[in-house]
Amino acid sequence: MKHAQQNCVTEWSFTSGRVYGDPFNEVELDVVFTDPAGQELAVPAFWAGEQSWRVRYASPMVGTHRYRTKCSDASNEDLHGQEGILEVTPYEGSNLLLQHGPVRVAADGRHLEHQDGAPFFWLGDTWWMGLCQRLSWPGDFRTLTADRVVKGFSVIQIVAGLYPDMPPFDERGANEAGFPWEPDYARINPSYWDMADLRIDWLVRSGLVPCIVGCWGYFLPWMGVDRMKQHWRNLVARYGAYPVVWCLAGEVLMHYYLNRPTTPEAQSRYEQELTEGWEQVGDYLRDVDPYRRLVTVHPGGRRASSQALDESLSDIEMHQSGHAPPQGLSEVLERSAQLIARSRSLSPAKPIIEGEVCYEGIIEANRQEVQRLFFWTRMLSGAMGHTYGANGIWQVNTRERPFGPSPHGMSWGDTPWDEACQLPGSGQLGLASQLLRRFAWWRFEPHPEWIEPHWTLDELFQPYAAGIPGVVRVCYMPAGTWPTALTGIEPGLRYKATLVNPVDGAEHELGRVTGEANGTWAPPRARMPIYHDWVLLLTAESEQTAAS
């Protein structure tokens, strides 16, 4: 009998005495677990090399769990009909992710929470190529992880070996054990995944949710639907027991960079073929994952996931608003605002996450002030999470070996990852998330009418406001703006006004605020110490505003 704690992964290994010539393709092994309530979970096992398979299991339910193996070759007694017992005891550690359990969609459909109901704040970072050897294990990977934990990040978006910005089997995508698949996608390379296991496990041990991106979208035509299903079965078998989020693919309907369709008709046909293929893969993922981990889609073409594939394939509405030089920020901000407005109209509702926008340092621009702009304007417009990215980290540049040119011939930049991780934007978004987490942020609703002037699609660089009526108001003033009035202040309610510097978190008390006869208050502009963007807080003195 084995023992494990709640939500902690335990593993069994099964070895066949019967020799198969191509075990990965000839044999499938599932292990059916029965929990103390009598519910069965059919957990896929992964081929571990030679004649061995392994299964991983975790459960939030304390008590006795039983299992039996089910092999596609029912005559193999080493793999079929094996039975055992697991005793799960209460979790005794300090990892909040394991204390509270995996992430799910809350009952309101708009925010994320842990399995025990504790709200989950998505502050993501983008390590697309974080499983390759350029981010070495253990030193580099653990260093970057520690930095993000200290800054308050909660999610790492990371690609499962089939990367963007390179052709297949490019040496830049290998880890210490080679590539994730053998040539021609004949079978997986178990040794690659053993090295990936160490990194994924470390993220969870550090309290970070891995958002595992299955591949970049253009791999589907190369691999085909059946091989892509095998790829996803391997991912579910290895990582489904962890508190992960699945991302079906990155830029899901993207063509390879050098194979762009030459006519609109060809582009339409290509996207239709990919849509049909990915929907088959997405349905398979739903079927093969017994844990029902959340699924999202990283869309391409500067759109939302619901515009890419069938809405039922994603639990989280992820956006990709794109990147731009300074003169293009208005276009990206407008596109992002339109995406959020469209996504907030979905029925049923879904949590909205900005999944990729204007990486810090990309195109020699998009510095920390741009990171603050997009975080605050998106979070006060209805998003329930935000993913940061830094040029240099997503492609894992090193001083000795920058990533180099993309297939289109140019490099996105050579900033080493260990310099990029210290760019100020990441720390400033950490401060921003800490500020929001002081309140019941999951109850926030946009209230542009609370502040004048306020943003519109025609005036995007004006103040934003959101919060909970009668409890808290959070206002963001982009650089160069200042409100003439806060409006709709409830009669008889007194607020404490605080001006917060989003660069360093310093707070400046502005005193007590009650509305005039018409419910307005004019913030004193003379109290703004430095000319940049600011956050203005109004917290009701008669209400408990702190988040649980």
Protein backbone atom coordinates (compact mmCIF):
# COMPACT_ATOMS: atom_id res chain seq x y z
CA MET A 1 0.00 0.00 0.00
CA LYS A 2 1.22 3.50 -0.87
CA HIS A 3 0.65 6.72 1.05
CA ALA A 4 0.27 10.30 -0.22
CA GLN A 5 -1.03 13.64 0.99
CA GLN A 6 -3.97 15.52 -0.51
CA ASN A 7 -3.31 17.06 -3.94
CA CYS A 8 0.22 15.61 -3.99
CA VAL A 9 1.29 13.45 -6.92
CA THR A 10 2.27 9.83 -6.39
CA GLU A 11 3.52 7.45 -9.08
CA TRP A 12 3.44 3.73 -9.93
CA SER A 13 5.55 1.90 -12.49
CA PHE A 14 4.50 -1.19 -14.46
CA THR A 15 6.93 -3.28 -16.51
CA SER A 16 5.98 -5.79 -19.16
CA GLY A 17 7.75 -9.12 -19.34
CA ARG A 18 6.41 -9.38 -22.86
CA VAL A 19 8.59 -7.49 -25.34
CA TYR A 20 6.88 -5.18 -27.83
CA GLY A 21 8.68 -3.97 -30.94
CA ASP A 22 7.06 -0.52 -30.77
CA PRO A 23 5.55 -0.24 -27.29
CA PHE A 24 4.54 3.44 -27.60
CA ASN A 25 2.34 2.71 -30.61
CA GLU A 26 1.30 -0.84 -29.76
CA VAL A 27 0.11 -0.51 -26.17
CA GLU A 28 -2.09 1.85 -24.19
CA LEU A 29 -2.37 1.51 -20.44
CA ASP A 30 -4.98 3.12 -18.18
CA VAL A 31 -5.25 2.83 -14.43
CA VAL A 32 -8.77 3.04 -13.01
CA PHE A 33 -8.79 4.62 -9.55
CA THR A 34 -11.76 4.40 -7.22
CA ASP A 35 -11.88 7.12 -4.56
CA PRO A 36 -13.44 6.78 -1.09
CA ALA A 37 -16.79 8.06 -2.45
CA GLY A 38 -16.87 5.33 -5.06
CA GLN A 39 -16.15 7.60 -8.04
CA GLU A 40 -13.92 6.10 -10.73
CA LEU A 41 -11.22 7.96 -12.65
CA ALA A 42 -9.57 6.33 -15.66
CA VAL A 43 -6.07 7.83 -15.58
CA PRO A 44 -3.86 7.34 -18.65
CA ALA A 45 -0.37 5.98 -18.06
CA PHE A 46 2.61 7.15 -20.11
CA TRP A 47 5.20 5.06 -21.86
CA ALA A 48 8.42 5.50 -19.87
CA GLY A 49 10.80 3.78 -22.31
CA GLU A 50 11.68 0.18 -23.14
CA GLN A 51 8.88 -2.04 -21.72
CA SER A 52 7.79 0.25 -18.86
CA TRP A 53 4.78 2.50 -18.21
CA ARG A 54 4.07 4.85 -15.34
CA VAL A 55 0.94 6.42 -13.93
CA ARG A 56 0.60 9.53 -11.75
CA TYR A 57 -2.33 10.24 -9.48
CA ALA A 58 -3.41 12.92 -7.04
CA SER A 59 -6.65 13.54 -5.18
CA PRO A 60 -8.10 16.11 -2.76
CA MET A 61 -10.11 13.34 -1.08
CA VAL A 62 -8.74 11.86 2.14
CA GLY A 63 -9.16 8.12 2.62
CA THR A 64 -8.54 4.81 0.89
CA HIS A 65 -8.21 4.81 -2.91
CA ARG A 66 -8.03 1.60 -4.92
CA TYR A 67 -6.78 1.00 -8.42
CA ARG A 68 -6.76 -1.62 -11.14
CA THR A 69 -4.91 -1.50 -14.44
CA LYS A 70 -6.56 -1.78 -17.83
CA CYS A 71 -4.31 -2.53 -20.82
CA SER A 72 -5.17 -2.55 -24.51
CA ASP A 73 -3.41 -5.95 -24.57
CA ALA A 74 -5.64 -7.70 -22.05
CA SER A 75 -3.59 -10.89 -22.32
CA ASN A 76 -0.55 -9.20 -20.75
CA GLU A 77 -0.87 -10.01 -17.04
CA ASP A 78 2.00 -7.67 -16.14
CA LEU A 79 0.00 -4.70 -17.38
CA HIS A 80 -3.64 -5.78 -17.20
CA GLY A 81 -5.58 -6.48 -14.01
CA GLN A 82 -2.97 -5.30 -11.53
CA GLU A 83 -4.51 -3.94 -8.31
CA GLY A 84 -3.37 -1.84 -5.39
CA ILE A 85 -4.30 0.60 -2.62
CA LEU A 86 -3.36 4.22 -1.89
CA GLU A 87 -4.05 5.90 1.45
CA VAL A 88 -4.46 9.69 1.13
CA THR A 89 -3.95 11.79 4.26
CA PRO A 90 -4.49 15.53 4.87
CA TYR A 91 -1.94 17.89 3.35
CA GLU A 92 0.48 19.17 5.99
CA GLY A 93 2.76 21.45 4.00
CA SER A 94 2.81 25.21 3.40
CA ASN A 95 2.37 25.28 -0.40
CA LEU A 96 -0.79 27.37 -0.94
CA LEU A 97 -1.43 25.73 -4.30
CA LEU A 98 -1.55 22.31 -2.66
CA GLN A 99 -3.42 23.58 0.38
CA HIS A 100 -6.23 25.06 -1.68
CA GLY A 101 -6.14 22.66 -4.63
CA PRO A 102 -6.23 23.02 -8.42
CA VAL A 103 -7.82 25.96 -10.21
CA ARG A 104 -11.40 25.94 -11.50
CA VAL A 105 -13.98 28.44 -12.75
CA ALA A 106 -16.04 29.98 -9.94
CA ALA A 107 -19.82 29.77 -9.86
CA ASP A 108 -20.20 33.30 -11.27
CA GLY A 109 -18.33 32.18 -14.40
CA ARG A 110 -16.19 35.32 -14.32
CA HIS A 111 -13.27 34.55 -12.05
CA LEU A 112 -11.03 31.63 -11.11
CA GLU A 113 -10.84 29.94 -7.74
CA HIS A 114 -9.14 27.00 -6.08
CA GLN A 115 -10.91 23.73 -5.45
CA ASP A 116 -11.75 24.85 -1.90
CA GLY A 117 -13.31 28.10 -3.14
CA ALA A 118 -10.40 30.44 -2.41
CA PRO A 119 -10.16 33.05 -5.22
CA PHE A 120 -7.21 32.62 -7.58
CA PHE A 121 -5.50 35.68 -9.05
CA TRP A 122 -3.89 34.93 -12.43
CA LEU A 123 -0.66 36.89 -12.81
CA GLY A 124 1.15 34.96 -15.50
CA ASP A 125 4.59 35.04 -17.04
CA THR A 126 5.54 33.83 -20.52
CA TRP A 127 8.30 31.22 -20.72
CA TRP A 128 7.35 29.75 -24.09
CA MET A 129 10.67 27.88 -24.48
CA GLY A 130 11.30 27.29 -20.81
CA LEU A 131 11.62 23.49 -21.19
CA CYS A 132 14.64 23.72 -23.51
CA GLN A 133 18.24 23.40 -22.35
CA ARG A 134 19.03 27.08 -22.85
CA LEU A 135 17.21 27.61 -19.55
CA SER A 136 19.39 25.05 -17.83
CA TRP A 137 18.27 22.73 -15.09
CA PRO A 138 18.50 23.19 -12.21
CA GLY A 139 20.36 26.50 -11.89
CA ASP A 140 18.75 28.81 -14.43
CA PHE A 141 15.25 27.41 -14.10
CA ARG A 142 15.23 27.63 -10.32
CA THR A 143 16.68 31.14 -10.37
CA LEU A 144 13.95 32.44 -12.68
CA THR A 145 11.28 30.61 -10.70
CA ALA A 146 12.44 32.15 -7.42
CA ASP A 147 12.39 35.64 -8.93
CA ARG A 148 8.79 35.22 -10.12
CA VAL A 149 7.64 33.79 -6.79
CA VAL A 150 9.09 36.75 -4.90
CA LYS A 151 7.33 39.17 -7.27
CA GLY A 152 3.95 37.52 -6.79
CA PHE A 153 3.41 35.68 -10.07
CA SER A 154 1.02 32.73 -9.94
CA VAL A 155 1.07 31.17 -13.45
CA ILE A 156 3.79 30.22 -15.94
CA GLN A 157 2.76 29.80 -19.59
CA ILE A 158 5.15 27.25 -21.06
CA VAL A 159 5.16 25.24 -24.32
CA ALA A 160 5.44 21.45 -24.28
CA GLY A 161 8.46 21.19 -26.57
CA LEU A 162 6.87 22.01 -29.95
CA TYR A 163 7.85 25.64 -30.04
CA PRO A 164 7.02 28.84 -31.90
CA ASP A 165 9.53 30.75 -33.97
CA MET A 166 11.45 27.71 -35.22
CA PRO A 167 11.09 24.74 -37.57
CA PRO A 168 10.71 21.23 -36.12
CA PHE A 169 13.84 19.58 -34.70
CA ASP A 170 15.71 22.89 -34.56
CA GLU A 171 18.60 22.39 -32.11
CA ARG A 172 17.47 25.45 -30.16
CA GLY A 173 14.40 23.50 -29.04
CA ALA A 174 16.24 20.50 -27.56
CA ASN A 175 16.68 19.94 -23.86
CA GLU A 176 19.41 17.95 -22.14
CA ALA A 177 17.93 14.69 -23.51
CA GLY A 178 17.16 15.81 -27.05
CA PHE A 179 13.80 16.49 -28.70
CA PRO A 180 10.31 15.59 -27.46
CA TRP A 181 9.61 13.38 -30.47
CA GLU A 182 11.70 11.15 -32.71
CA PRO A 183 12.12 12.13 -36.38
CA ASP A 184 8.93 11.86 -38.44
CA TYR A 185 7.01 11.87 -35.12
CA ALA A 186 7.37 8.09 -34.97
CA ARG A 187 7.16 8.08 -31.16
CA ILE A 188 7.90 10.29 -28.18
CA ASN A 189 11.34 10.51 -26.60
CA PRO A 190 10.72 9.55 -22.94
CA SER A 191 14.08 10.97 -21.82
CA TYR A 192 13.10 14.45 -23.04
CA TRP A 193 9.94 14.30 -20.96
CA ASP A 194 11.81 13.05 -17.90
CA MET A 195 13.81 16.29 -17.99
CA ALA A 196 10.65 18.32 -18.57
CA ASP A 197 9.11 16.59 -15.53
CA LEU A 198 11.75 18.11 -13.26
CA ARG A 199 10.85 21.62 -14.38
CA ILE A 200 7.06 21.21 -14.22
CA ASP A 201 7.32 19.61 -10.79
CA TRP A 202 9.50 22.47 -9.58
CA LEU A 203 6.96 25.07 -10.67
CA VAL A 204 4.25 23.34 -8.66
CA ARG A 205 6.56 22.87 -5.67
CA SER A 206 7.15 26.63 -5.85
CA GLY A 207 3.42 27.38 -5.80
CA LEU A 208 3.12 28.29 -9.50
CA VAL A 209 0.45 26.92 -11.82
CA PRO A 210 1.92 25.61 -15.09
CA CYS A 211 -0.25 26.64 -18.03
CA ILE A 212 0.99 23.97 -20.43
CA VAL A 213 0.69 24.90 -24.09
CA GLY A 214 0.54 21.69 -26.13
CA CYS A 215 2.40 23.09 -29.14
CA TRP A 216 2.35 25.96 -31.57
CA GLY A 217 -0.57 25.76 -33.96
CA TYR A 218 1.36 25.01 -37.13
CA PHE A 219 2.51 21.63 -35.79
CA LEU A 220 -0.91 20.11 -36.42
CA PRO A 221 -0.56 19.89 -40.23
CA TRP A 222 2.93 18.39 -39.79
CA MET A 223 1.93 15.80 -37.19
CA GLY A 224 -1.68 15.08 -38.11
CA VAL A 225 -4.64 14.71 -35.77
CA ASP A 226 -3.81 11.19 -34.59
CA ARG A 227 -0.23 12.02 -33.58
CA MET A 228 -1.42 15.22 -31.91
CA LYS A 229 -3.85 13.17 -29.86
CA GLN A 230 -0.95 10.95 -28.78
CA HIS A 231 1.01 14.07 -27.86
CA TRP A 232 -1.85 15.25 -25.66
CA ARG A 233 -2.35 11.82 -24.11
CA ASN A 234 1.30 11.89 -23.04
CA LEU A 235 0.86 15.38 -21.54
CA VAL A 236 -2.26 14.39 -19.63
CA ALA A 237 -0.58 11.21 -18.36
CA ARG A 238 2.51 13.05 -17.15
CA TYR A 239 1.02 16.29 -15.84
CA GLY A 240 -2.72 15.88 -15.38
CA ALA A 241 -2.29 14.91 -11.72
CA TYR A 242 -0.61 18.27 -11.10
CA PRO A 243 -2.68 21.45 -10.62
CA VAL A 244 -2.13 22.57 -14.21
CA VAL A 245 -4.12 24.51 -16.80
CA TRP A 246 -4.13 23.21 -20.38
CA CYS A 247 -3.71 25.47 -23.40
CA LEU A 248 -4.67 23.54 -26.52
CA ALA A 249 -2.17 25.35 -28.74
CA GLY A 250 -0.38 28.65 -29.19
CA GLU A 251 -1.67 30.81 -32.05
CA VAL A 252 -3.92 27.89 -32.74
CA LEU A 253 -4.81 28.63 -36.38
CA MET A 254 -1.38 29.86 -37.40
CA HIS A 255 0.40 28.72 -40.56
CA TYR A 256 4.14 28.17 -40.47
CA TYR A 257 5.97 31.44 -41.05
CA LEU A 258 7.37 30.49 -44.46
CA ASN A 259 4.23 28.73 -45.71
CA ARG A 260 1.79 31.61 -45.74
CA PRO A 261 -1.23 30.98 -47.99
CA THR A 262 -0.99 33.20 -51.05
CA THR A 263 -4.69 34.08 -51.47
CA PRO A 264 -7.58 34.87 -49.11
CA GLU A 265 -9.32 31.73 -50.33
CA ALA A 266 -6.30 29.59 -49.49
CA GLN A 267 -6.05 31.23 -46.06
CA SER A 268 -9.71 30.51 -45.42
CA ARG A 269 -9.34 26.86 -46.43
CA TYR A 270 -6.25 26.49 -44.26
CA GLU A 271 -7.98 27.94 -41.19
CA GLN A 272 -11.03 25.77 -41.77
CA GLU A 273 -8.88 22.63 -41.94
CA LEU A 274 -7.04 23.59 -38.77
CA THR A 275 -10.27 24.46 -37.01
CA GLU A 276 -11.71 21.03 -37.77
CA GLY A 277 -8.48 19.31 -36.71
CA TRP A 278 -8.09 21.23 -33.48
CA GLU A 279 -11.70 20.69 -32.53
CA GLN A 280 -11.12 16.94 -32.85
CA VAL A 281 -8.01 17.23 -30.67
CA GLY A 282 -9.85 19.43 -28.18
CA ASP A 283 -12.69 16.94 -27.87
CA TYR A 284 -10.13 14.18 -27.32
CA LEU A 285 -8.41 16.21 -24.59
CA ARG A 286 -11.73 16.60 -22.78
CA ASP A 287 -12.27 12.84 -23.01
CA VAL A 288 -8.80 11.66 -21.98
CA ASP A 289 -8.30 14.00 -19.00
CA PRO A 290 -10.01 12.43 -15.97
CA TYR A 291 -9.24 15.45 -13.78
CA ARG A 292 -11.08 17.90 -16.03
CA ARG A 293 -8.37 20.52 -15.72
CA LEU A 294 -9.27 23.90 -17.19
CA VAL A 295 -8.66 24.29 -20.91
CA THR A 296 -7.93 27.48 -22.80
CA VAL A 297 -6.71 28.40 -26.27
CA HIS A 298 -3.99 30.91 -27.11
CA PRO A 299 -5.41 32.53 -30.24
CA GLY A 300 -3.50 34.05 -33.10
CA GLY A 301 -4.50 36.84 -35.38
CA ARG A 302 -5.03 39.25 -32.49
CA ARG A 303 -8.28 37.77 -31.33
CA ALA A 304 -9.98 35.95 -28.48
CA SER A 305 -10.10 32.21 -27.99
CA SER A 306 -13.85 32.16 -28.66
CA GLN A 307 -13.15 33.58 -32.11
CA ALA A 308 -10.67 30.81 -32.90
CA LEU A 309 -12.46 27.55 -32.10
CA ASP A 310 -15.76 26.30 -30.77
CA GLU A 311 -16.47 28.09 -27.48
CA SER A 312 -17.04 24.78 -25.70
CA LEU A 313 -13.35 23.91 -26.09
CA SER A 314 -12.19 26.61 -23.68
CA ASP A 315 -13.06 27.34 -20.07
CA ILE A 316 -11.02 30.55 -20.01
CA GLU A 317 -11.36 33.33 -22.56
CA MET A 318 -7.72 34.08 -23.38
CA HIS A 319 -6.81 37.08 -25.53
CA GLN A 320 -3.78 37.83 -27.62
CA SER A 321 -3.76 41.55 -28.31
CA GLY A 322 -0.35 41.53 -30.01
CA HIS A 323 2.74 43.72 -29.95
CA ALA A 324 3.49 47.15 -31.31
CA PRO A 325 6.11 49.89 -31.49
CA PRO A 326 5.29 53.08 -29.54
CA GLN A 327 3.31 54.60 -32.40
CA GLY A 328 1.08 51.53 -32.46
CA LEU A 329 0.03 51.41 -28.81
CA SER A 330 -3.33 53.03 -29.51
CA GLU A 331 -4.17 50.29 -31.99
CA VAL A 332 -3.27 47.52 -29.52
CA LEU A 333 -5.16 49.20 -26.68
CA GLU A 334 -8.23 49.62 -28.86
CA ARG A 335 -8.07 46.02 -30.03
CA SER A 336 -7.74 44.79 -26.45
CA ALA A 337 -10.68 46.93 -25.31
CA GLN A 338 -12.84 45.53 -28.10
CA LEU A 339 -11.83 41.96 -27.21
CA ILE A 340 -12.80 42.46 -23.57
CA ALA A 341 -16.13 44.06 -24.48
CA ARG A 342 -16.94 41.16 -26.81
CA SER A 343 -15.85 38.56 -24.28
CA ARG A 344 -17.91 40.09 -21.47
CA SER A 345 -21.01 39.55 -23.60
CA LEU A 346 -20.47 35.77 -23.78
CA SER A 347 -23.18 33.60 -22.31
CA PRO A 348 -22.38 31.66 -20.25
CA ALA A 349 -19.70 33.94 -18.88
CA LYS A 350 -16.02 32.99 -18.86
CA PRO A 351 -13.03 34.42 -16.98
CA ILE A 352 -11.11 36.80 -19.25
CA ILE A 353 -7.31 36.64 -19.29
CA GLU A 354 -5.01 38.87 -21.34
CA GLY A 355 -2.56 36.18 -22.44
CA GLU A 356 -0.05 38.09 -24.59
CA VAL A 357 0.41 41.79 -25.12
CA CYS A 358 3.40 44.08 -25.80
CA TYR A 359 6.21 42.13 -24.15
CA GLU A 360 8.56 44.34 -22.18
CA GLY A 361 11.49 45.35 -24.38
CA ILE A 362 10.11 43.88 -27.61
CA ILE A 363 10.62 45.97 -30.76
CA GLU A 364 13.04 48.04 -28.63
CA ALA A 365 10.02 49.49 -26.84
CA ASN A 366 7.13 48.59 -24.52
CA ARG A 367 8.99 49.42 -21.33
CA GLN A 368 7.63 49.34 -17.81
CA GLU A 369 5.15 52.19 -18.29
CA VAL A 370 3.50 50.19 -21.08
CA GLN A 371 3.32 47.12 -18.84
CA ARG A 372 1.53 49.17 -16.17
CA LEU A 373 -0.80 50.70 -18.75
CA PHE A 374 -2.00 47.37 -20.07
CA PHE A 375 -2.29 45.68 -16.68
CA TRP A 376 -4.34 48.41 -15.07
CA THR A 377 -6.54 49.28 -18.03
CA ARG A 378 -7.36 45.61 -18.68
CA MET A 379 -7.97 44.65 -15.06
CA LEU A 380 -10.27 47.67 -14.56
CA SER A 381 -12.18 46.84 -17.76
CA GLY A 382 -13.30 43.37 -16.78
CA ALA A 383 -10.31 41.05 -17.17
CA MET A 384 -9.77 38.61 -14.30
CA GLY A 385 -6.12 37.93 -15.01
CA HIS A 386 -3.11 39.19 -16.91
CA THR A 387 -0.01 37.58 -18.38
CA TYR A 388 3.24 39.52 -18.58
CA GLY A 389 6.06 38.74 -20.97
CA ALA A 390 9.62 39.96 -21.49
CA ASN A 391 11.63 39.88 -24.67
CA GLY A 392 14.61 37.67 -23.87
CA ILE A 393 12.71 35.32 -21.57
CA TRP A 394 10.09 33.86 -23.89
CA GLN A 395 12.79 32.67 -26.32
CA VAL A 396 15.43 32.16 -23.57
CA ASN A 397 18.36 34.21 -24.83
CA THR A 398 21.69 33.59 -23.13
CA ARG A 399 24.77 35.78 -23.30
CA GLU A 400 26.75 33.10 -25.06
CA ARG A 401 23.94 31.99 -27.37
CA PRO A 402 21.15 34.42 -28.18
CA PHE A 403 18.16 32.75 -29.79
CA GLY A 404 19.04 34.31 -33.14
CA PRO A 405 16.83 34.85 -36.16
CA SER A 406 13.26 33.71 -36.43
CA PRO A 407 12.22 31.91 -39.64
CA HIS A 408 11.43 35.28 -41.24
CA GLY A 409 15.11 36.17 -40.92
CA MET A 410 15.13 38.76 -38.15
CA SER A 411 15.81 38.40 -34.45
CA TRP A 412 13.36 39.77 -31.90
CA GLY A 413 16.33 40.90 -29.80
CA ASP A 414 19.33 39.54 -27.90
CA THR A 415 18.65 40.60 -24.30
CA PRO A 416 19.74 37.66 -22.08
CA TRP A 417 17.00 36.09 -20.00
CA ASP A 418 18.75 36.90 -16.70
CA GLU A 419 18.77 40.60 -17.63
CA ALA A 420 15.22 40.48 -18.96
CA CYS A 421 13.91 38.99 -15.73
CA GLN A 422 15.11 42.12 -13.91
CA LEU A 423 13.33 44.56 -16.22
CA PRO A 424 11.25 46.77 -13.91
CA GLY A 425 7.87 45.94 -15.42
CA SER A 426 7.68 42.48 -13.83
CA GLY A 427 8.19 43.87 -10.34
CA GLN A 428 5.73 46.69 -10.93
CA LEU A 429 3.02 44.26 -12.05
CA GLY A 430 3.75 42.26 -8.93
CA LEU A 431 3.06 45.40 -6.87
CA ALA A 432 -0.10 46.01 -8.87
CA SER A 433 -1.42 42.52 -8.17
CA GLN A 434 -0.60 42.89 -4.47
CA LEU A 435 -2.64 46.10 -4.39
CA LEU A 436 -5.68 44.47 -5.99
CA ARG A 437 -5.42 41.42 -3.75
CA ARG A 438 -6.01 43.63 -0.72
CA PHE A 439 -9.62 43.80 -1.84
CA ALA A 440 -12.29 41.40 -3.06
CA TRP A 441 -11.01 41.92 -6.60
CA TRP A 442 -13.10 39.03 -7.96
CA ARG A 443 -16.22 41.10 -7.22
CA PHE A 444 -14.96 44.11 -9.16
CA GLU A 445 -17.01 45.46 -12.04
CA PRO A 446 -15.96 48.19 -14.47
CA HIS A 447 -17.48 51.57 -13.62
CA PRO A 448 -16.11 54.14 -16.07
CA GLU A 449 -18.95 56.46 -15.05
CA TRP A 450 -17.34 56.85 -11.60
CA ILE A 451 -14.64 59.15 -12.98
CA GLU A 452 -14.62 62.17 -15.30
CA PRO A 453 -13.27 62.33 -17.85
CA HIS A 454 -13.18 58.57 -18.50
CA TRP A 455 -12.05 56.31 -21.28
CA THR A 456 -14.11 55.45 -24.33
CA LEU A 457 -13.18 53.63 -27.53
CA ASP A 458 -12.53 57.08 -28.99
CA GLU A 459 -10.47 58.24 -25.99
CA LEU A 460 -8.54 55.24 -24.69
CA PHE A 461 -5.85 57.19 -22.81
CA GLN A 462 -8.25 58.62 -20.23
CA PRO A 463 -8.90 57.43 -16.63
CA TYR A 464 -10.38 54.01 -15.83
CA ALA A 465 -12.39 52.97 -12.78
CA ALA A 466 -13.73 49.75 -11.29
CA GLY A 467 -14.62 48.33 -7.90
CA ILE A 468 -17.49 47.41 -5.60
CA PRO A 469 -20.18 50.05 -4.94
CA GLY A 470 -20.14 51.24 -1.37
CA VAL A 471 -16.95 49.32 -0.60
CA VAL A 472 -13.97 50.24 -2.79
CA ARG A 473 -13.16 52.20 -5.92
CA VAL A 474 -9.92 51.79 -7.86
CA CYS A 475 -9.08 54.41 -10.47
CA TYR A 476 -6.17 54.38 -12.90
CA MET A 477 -4.96 57.60 -14.51
CA PRO A 478 -2.65 57.10 -17.51
CA ALA A 479 0.29 59.49 -17.69
CA GLY A 480 -0.82 63.01 -18.52
CA THR A 481 -4.39 62.57 -17.28
CA TRP A 482 -6.10 63.63 -14.08
CA PRO A 483 -9.79 63.44 -13.19
CA THR A 484 -11.83 66.59 -12.79
CA ALA A 485 -14.26 64.68 -10.59
CA LEU A 486 -15.16 61.33 -9.08
CA THR A 487 -18.90 60.90 -9.41
CA GLY A 488 -21.76 58.93 -7.94
CA ILE A 489 -20.38 58.92 -4.40
CA GLU A 490 -23.06 57.42 -2.19
CA PRO A 491 -24.87 59.81 0.21
CA GLY A 492 -23.78 59.44 3.80
CA LEU A 493 -20.78 57.26 2.97
CA ARG A 494 -17.27 58.38 3.78
CA TYR A 495 -14.23 57.08 1.90
CA LYS A 496 -10.54 57.22 2.63
CA ALA A 497 -8.68 58.50 -0.44
CA THR A 498 -5.17 57.23 -1.20
CA LEU A 499 -2.92 58.02 -4.12
CA VAL A 500 -0.68 55.06 -4.99
CA ASN A 501 2.51 55.26 -7.03
CA PRO A 502 2.37 52.23 -9.39
CA VAL A 503 6.15 52.35 -9.84
CA ASP A 504 7.14 51.63 -6.23
CA GLY A 505 3.85 51.14 -4.36
CA ALA A 506 4.32 54.24 -2.20
CA GLU A 507 1.04 55.60 -0.82
CA HIS A 508 0.04 59.23 -0.27
CA GLU A 509 -2.98 59.90 1.94
CA LEU A 510 -5.45 62.43 0.50
CA GLY A 511 -7.80 62.49 3.49
CA ARG A 512 -11.47 61.65 3.86
CA VAL A 513 -13.95 62.02 1.03
CA THR A 514 -17.70 62.55 1.06
CA GLY A 515 -19.66 63.50 -1.99
CA GLU A 516 -20.96 67.01 -2.51
CA ALA A 517 -24.68 67.47 -2.89
CA ASN A 518 -24.42 66.02 -6.38
CA GLY A 519 -22.22 63.09 -5.26
CA THR A 520 -18.95 64.37 -6.73
CA TRP A 521 -15.44 64.97 -5.40
CA ALA A 522 -12.61 66.75 -7.15
CA PRO A 523 -9.22 65.10 -6.40
CA PRO A 524 -6.52 67.70 -5.71
CA ARG A 525 -4.15 67.58 -8.68
CA ALA A 526 -1.53 69.46 -6.67
CA ARG A 527 -1.02 66.30 -4.59
CA MET A 528 0.37 64.34 -7.59
CA PRO A 529 4.11 64.24 -6.73
CA ILE A 530 5.56 62.98 -10.04
CA TYR A 531 4.38 63.29 -13.61
CA HIS A 532 3.49 59.73 -14.62
CA ASP A 533 0.52 57.37 -14.24
CA TRP A 534 -1.16 56.99 -10.85
CA VAL A 535 -3.67 54.79 -9.04
CA LEU A 536 -6.33 56.38 -6.85
CA LEU A 537 -8.05 54.31 -4.15
CA LEU A 538 -11.27 55.12 -2.36
CA THR A 539 -12.02 52.68 0.47
CA ALA A 540 -15.23 52.97 2.46
CA GLU A 541 -14.48 53.39 6.15
CA SER A 542 -17.62 51.57 7.21
CA GLU A 543 -16.95 48.42 5.18
CA GLN A 544 -14.52 45.53 5.43
CA THR A 545 -12.55 45.83 2.19
CA ALA A 546 -9.80 43.26 2.71
CA ALA A 547 -9.95 40.08 0.64
CA SER A 548 -10.38 36.79 2.46
